[in-house]
Amino acid sequence: MKVLRLRIPPLPHFARTARRTFAKFVGLHGLDGWETQSLVFALGEAVANAIQHAGSRQAIEIRVRVAGDSVVTTVKDRGCGIAAPPSGRVALPSVFAEAGRGFAIMQRFTDFLEVNTRAGHGTVVKFGRYRRDTLG
């Protein structure tokens, strides 16, 4: 099992550093271009949500685990939490909406997505993909 741990300040310009580091890490462990791109996109959405909505100055924690047939990523903030975490399939908002796409996009670029939140304690977004190179 290979693990990457990152802590970034909740500032937009650190999101790029997290995406680059993440892409290099998963690329080193045999993920193909599409799998890597999908996960980087999902990570970007999760980090953007944490930066925009957590309302906290505490670091955002990112953990990536490559093991066996999957890549699992956890993005954790220590913010205010969210009122209604998504359950089931999240619909994409109208093309004219200026927000509300994050969880829907994460679902479409991953094989699994889980959101846990607690008011005043933060949100944990866990997502990942099953490695296509290990599926038989």
C-alpha atoms as a PDB file:
ATOM      1  CA  MET A   1       0.000   0.000   0.000  1.00  0.00           C
ATOM      2  CA  LYS A   2       1.278   3.450  -0.939  1.00  0.00           C
ATOM      3  CA  VAL A   3       0.072   6.555   0.923  1.00  0.00           C
ATOM      4  CA  LEU A   4       0.399  10.282   0.266  1.00  0.00           C
ATOM      5  CA  ARG A   5      -0.522  12.807   2.942  1.00  0.00           C
ATOM      6  CA  LEU A   6      -0.805  16.533   2.294  1.00  0.00           C
ATOM      7  CA  ARG A   7      -1.876  19.484   4.412  1.00  0.00           C
ATOM      8  CA  ILE A   8      -2.614  22.704   2.584  1.00  0.00           C
ATOM      9  CA  PRO A   9      -3.817  26.087   3.765  1.00  0.00           C
ATOM     10  CA  PRO A  10      -7.393  26.841   2.683  1.00  0.00           C
ATOM     11  CA  LEU A  11      -6.267  29.228  -0.044  1.00  0.00           C
ATOM     12  CA  PRO A  12      -7.015  28.770  -3.769  1.00  0.00           C
ATOM     13  CA  HIS A  13      -3.430  28.898  -5.019  1.00  0.00           C
ATOM     14  CA  PHE A  14      -2.521  25.848  -2.895  1.00  0.00           C
ATOM     15  CA  ALA A  15      -5.145  23.758  -4.717  1.00  0.00           C
ATOM     16  CA  ARG A  16      -2.920  23.653  -7.798  1.00  0.00           C
ATOM     17  CA  THR A  17      -0.001  22.353  -5.746  1.00  0.00           C
ATOM     18  CA  ALA A  18      -2.244  19.634  -4.310  1.00  0.00           C
ATOM     19  CA  ARG A  19      -3.501  18.600  -7.775  1.00  0.00           C
ATOM     20  CA  ARG A  20       0.031  18.455  -9.215  1.00  0.00           C
ATOM     21  CA  THR A  21       1.424  16.455  -6.295  1.00  0.00           C
ATOM     22  CA  PHE A  22      -1.571  14.109  -6.413  1.00  0.00           C
ATOM     23  CA  ALA A  23      -1.193  13.546 -10.187  1.00  0.00           C
ATOM     24  CA  LYS A  24       2.510  12.734  -9.845  1.00  0.00           C
ATOM     25  CA  PHE A  25       1.852  10.346  -6.960  1.00  0.00           C
ATOM     26  CA  VAL A  26      -0.899   8.320  -8.629  1.00  0.00           C
ATOM     27  CA  GLY A  27       0.963   8.389 -11.945  1.00  0.00           C
ATOM     28  CA  LEU A  28       3.953   6.744 -10.268  1.00  0.00           C
ATOM     29  CA  HIS A  29       1.713   3.873  -9.228  1.00  0.00           C
ATOM     30  CA  GLY A  30       0.487   2.729 -12.607  1.00  0.00           C
ATOM     31  CA  LEU A  31      -2.741   4.638 -13.155  1.00  0.00           C
ATOM     32  CA  ASP A  32      -3.443   5.402 -16.770  1.00  0.00           C
ATOM     33  CA  GLY A  33      -4.002   8.919 -18.050  1.00  0.00           C
ATOM     34  CA  TRP A  34      -7.803   8.807 -17.899  1.00  0.00           C
ATOM     35  CA  GLU A  35      -7.908   7.447 -14.349  1.00  0.00           C
ATOM     36  CA  THR A  36      -5.404  10.058 -13.210  1.00  0.00           C
ATOM     37  CA  GLN A  37      -7.252  12.914 -14.929  1.00  0.00           C
ATOM     38  CA  SER A  38     -10.591  11.805 -13.456  1.00  0.00           C
ATOM     39  CA  LEU A  39      -9.218  11.666  -9.942  1.00  0.00           C
ATOM     40  CA  VAL A  40      -7.372  14.975 -10.280  1.00  0.00           C
ATOM     41  CA  PHE A  41     -10.605  16.609 -11.415  1.00  0.00           C
ATOM     42  CA  ALA A  42     -12.524  15.135  -8.463  1.00  0.00           C
ATOM     43  CA  LEU A  43      -9.769  16.222  -6.067  1.00  0.00           C
ATOM     44  CA  GLY A  44      -9.936  19.753  -7.455  1.00  0.00           C
ATOM     45  CA  GLU A  45     -13.677  19.908  -6.771  1.00  0.00           C
ATOM     46  CA  ALA A  46     -13.317  18.521  -3.247  1.00  0.00           C
ATOM     47  CA  VAL A  47     -10.526  20.958  -2.367  1.00  0.00           C
ATOM     48  CA  ALA A  48     -12.402  23.894  -3.932  1.00  0.00           C
ATOM     49  CA  ASN A  49     -15.473  23.030  -1.843  1.00  0.00           C
ATOM     50  CA  ALA A  50     -13.368  22.858   1.320  1.00  0.00           C
ATOM     51  CA  ILE A  51     -11.724  26.204   0.581  1.00  0.00           C
ATOM     52  CA  GLN A  52     -14.968  27.935  -0.341  1.00  0.00           C
ATOM     53  CA  HIS A  53     -17.415  26.494   2.173  1.00  0.00           C
ATOM     54  CA  ALA A  54     -15.554  25.351   5.298  1.00  0.00           C
ATOM     55  CA  GLY A  55     -15.204  28.829   6.751  1.00  0.00           C
ATOM     56  CA  SER A  56     -12.047  27.791   8.586  1.00  0.00           C
ATOM     57  CA  ARG A  57      -8.423  28.847   8.512  1.00  0.00           C
ATOM     58  CA  GLN A  58      -7.266  25.386   9.546  1.00  0.00           C
ATOM     59  CA  ALA A  59      -5.372  23.275   7.040  1.00  0.00           C
ATOM     60  CA  ILE A  60      -7.180  20.975   4.643  1.00  0.00           C
ATOM     61  CA  GLU A  61      -5.944  17.408   4.969  1.00  0.00           C
ATOM     62  CA  ILE A  62      -5.620  15.228   1.891  1.00  0.00           C
ATOM     63  CA  ARG A  63      -4.831  11.520   2.087  1.00  0.00           C
ATOM     64  CA  VAL A  64      -4.401   9.281  -0.940  1.00  0.00           C
ATOM     65  CA  ARG A  65      -4.063   5.516  -0.668  1.00  0.00           C
ATOM     66  CA  VAL A  66      -3.113   3.296  -3.597  1.00  0.00           C
ATOM     67  CA  ALA A  67      -3.656  -0.332  -2.665  1.00  0.00           C
ATOM     68  CA  GLY A  68      -4.521  -3.410  -4.651  1.00  0.00           C
ATOM     69  CA  ASP A  69      -7.395  -2.620  -6.957  1.00  0.00           C
ATOM     70  CA  SER A  70      -8.262   0.912  -5.845  1.00  0.00           C
ATOM     71  CA  VAL A  71      -7.191   4.473  -5.256  1.00  0.00           C
ATOM     72  CA  VAL A  72      -8.961   6.102  -2.310  1.00  0.00           C
ATOM     73  CA  THR A  73      -8.721   9.809  -1.591  1.00  0.00           C
ATOM     74  CA  THR A  74      -9.937  11.614   1.523  1.00  0.00           C
ATOM     75  CA  VAL A  75     -10.246  15.402   1.767  1.00  0.00           C
ATOM     76  CA  LYS A  76     -10.946  16.670   5.274  1.00  0.00           C
ATOM     77  CA  ASP A  77     -11.650  20.173   6.503  1.00  0.00           C
ATOM     78  CA  ARG A  78     -12.315  21.366  10.032  1.00  0.00           C
ATOM     79  CA  GLY A  79     -14.928  23.908   9.082  1.00  0.00           C
ATOM     80  CA  CYS A  80     -18.580  24.506   9.755  1.00  0.00           C
ATOM     81  CA  GLY A  81     -19.867  21.359   8.039  1.00  0.00           C
ATOM     82  CA  ILE A  82     -22.637  21.277   5.462  1.00  0.00           C
ATOM     83  CA  ALA A  83     -26.357  21.235   6.163  1.00  0.00           C
ATOM     84  CA  ALA A  84     -27.367  18.426   3.828  1.00  0.00           C
ATOM     85  CA  PRO A  85     -24.676  16.092   2.543  1.00  0.00           C
ATOM     86  CA  PRO A  86     -25.559  14.454  -0.746  1.00  0.00           C
ATOM     87  CA  SER A  87     -27.071  11.019  -0.846  1.00  0.00           C
ATOM     88  CA  GLY A  88     -27.739   8.945  -3.919  1.00  0.00           C
ATOM     89  CA  ARG A  89     -27.171  10.294  -7.407  1.00  0.00           C
ATOM     90  CA  VAL A  90     -26.668  14.082  -7.365  1.00  0.00           C
ATOM     91  CA  ALA A  91     -28.272  15.901 -10.284  1.00  0.00           C
ATOM     92  CA  LEU A  92     -26.291  18.455 -12.223  1.00  0.00           C
ATOM     93  CA  PRO A  93     -27.710  21.960 -11.783  1.00  0.00           C
ATOM     94  CA  SER A  94     -28.921  24.067 -14.678  1.00  0.00           C
ATOM     95  CA  VAL A  95     -26.262  25.171 -17.153  1.00  0.00           C
ATOM     96  CA  PHE A  96     -27.070  28.709 -16.007  1.00  0.00           C
ATOM     97  CA  ALA A  97     -26.361  27.975 -12.318  1.00  0.00           C
ATOM     98  CA  GLU A  98     -23.185  29.524 -10.958  1.00  0.00           C
ATOM     99  CA  ALA A  99     -22.644  26.951  -8.207  1.00  0.00           C
ATOM    100  CA  GLY A 100     -23.726  23.545  -6.994  1.00  0.00           C
ATOM    101  CA  ARG A 101     -21.824  21.295  -9.399  1.00  0.00           C
ATOM    102  CA  GLY A 102     -19.095  19.969  -7.085  1.00  0.00           C
ATOM    103  CA  PHE A 103     -20.640  16.760  -5.753  1.00  0.00           C
ATOM    104  CA  ALA A 104     -22.321  15.929  -9.061  1.00  0.00           C
ATOM    105  CA  ILE A 105     -19.002  16.287 -10.874  1.00  0.00           C
ATOM    106  CA  MET A 106     -17.151  14.238  -8.253  1.00  0.00           C
ATOM    107  CA  GLN A 107     -19.700  11.431  -8.661  1.00  0.00           C
ATOM    108  CA  ARG A 108     -19.290  11.358 -12.409  1.00  0.00           C
ATOM    109  CA  PHE A 109     -15.489  11.140 -12.290  1.00  0.00           C
ATOM    110  CA  THR A 110     -15.183   8.519  -9.556  1.00  0.00           C
ATOM    111  CA  ASP A 111     -16.442   5.010  -8.862  1.00  0.00           C
ATOM    112  CA  PHE A 112     -17.502   5.864  -5.319  1.00  0.00           C
ATOM    113  CA  LEU A 113     -18.142   9.001  -3.274  1.00  0.00           C
ATOM    114  CA  GLU A 114     -18.962   9.346   0.399  1.00  0.00           C
ATOM    115  CA  VAL A 115     -19.559  12.577   2.322  1.00  0.00           C
ATOM    116  CA  ASN A 116     -19.584  12.799   6.113  1.00  0.00           C
ATOM    117  CA  THR A 117     -20.170  16.062   7.891  1.00  0.00           C
ATOM    118  CA  ARG A 118     -20.856  17.324  11.361  1.00  0.00           C
ATOM    119  CA  ALA A 119     -21.932  20.867  12.146  1.00  0.00           C
ATOM    120  CA  GLY A 120     -19.039  22.797  13.643  1.00  0.00           C
ATOM    121  CA  HIS A 121     -16.550  19.963  13.092  1.00  0.00           C
ATOM    122  CA  GLY A 122     -16.047  19.870   9.355  1.00  0.00           C
ATOM    123  CA  THR A 123     -16.572  17.663   6.359  1.00  0.00           C
ATOM    124  CA  VAL A 124     -14.804  14.565   5.086  1.00  0.00           C
ATOM    125  CA  VAL A 125     -15.142  13.709   1.402  1.00  0.00           C
ATOM    126  CA  LYS A 126     -13.940  10.242   0.447  1.00  0.00           C
ATOM    127  CA  PHE A 127     -13.819   9.162  -3.178  1.00  0.00           C
ATOM    128  CA  GLY A 128     -11.932   6.891  -5.474  1.00  0.00           C
ATOM    129  CA  ARG A 129     -11.679   4.649  -8.467  1.00  0.00           C
ATOM    130  CA  TYR A 130     -11.127   0.969  -8.996  1.00  0.00           C
ATOM    131  CA  ARG A 131      -7.978   0.487 -11.010  1.00  0.00           C
ATOM    132  CA  ARG A 132      -8.820  -0.711 -14.488  1.00  0.00           C
ATOM    133  CA  ASP A 133      -5.377  -2.292 -14.880  1.00  0.00           C
ATOM    134  CA  THR A 134      -6.119  -4.710 -12.017  1.00  0.00           C
ATOM    135  CA  LEU A 135      -9.659  -5.687 -13.017  1.00  0.00           C
ATOM    136  CA  GLY A 136      -9.862  -9.042 -14.689  1.00  0.00           C
END
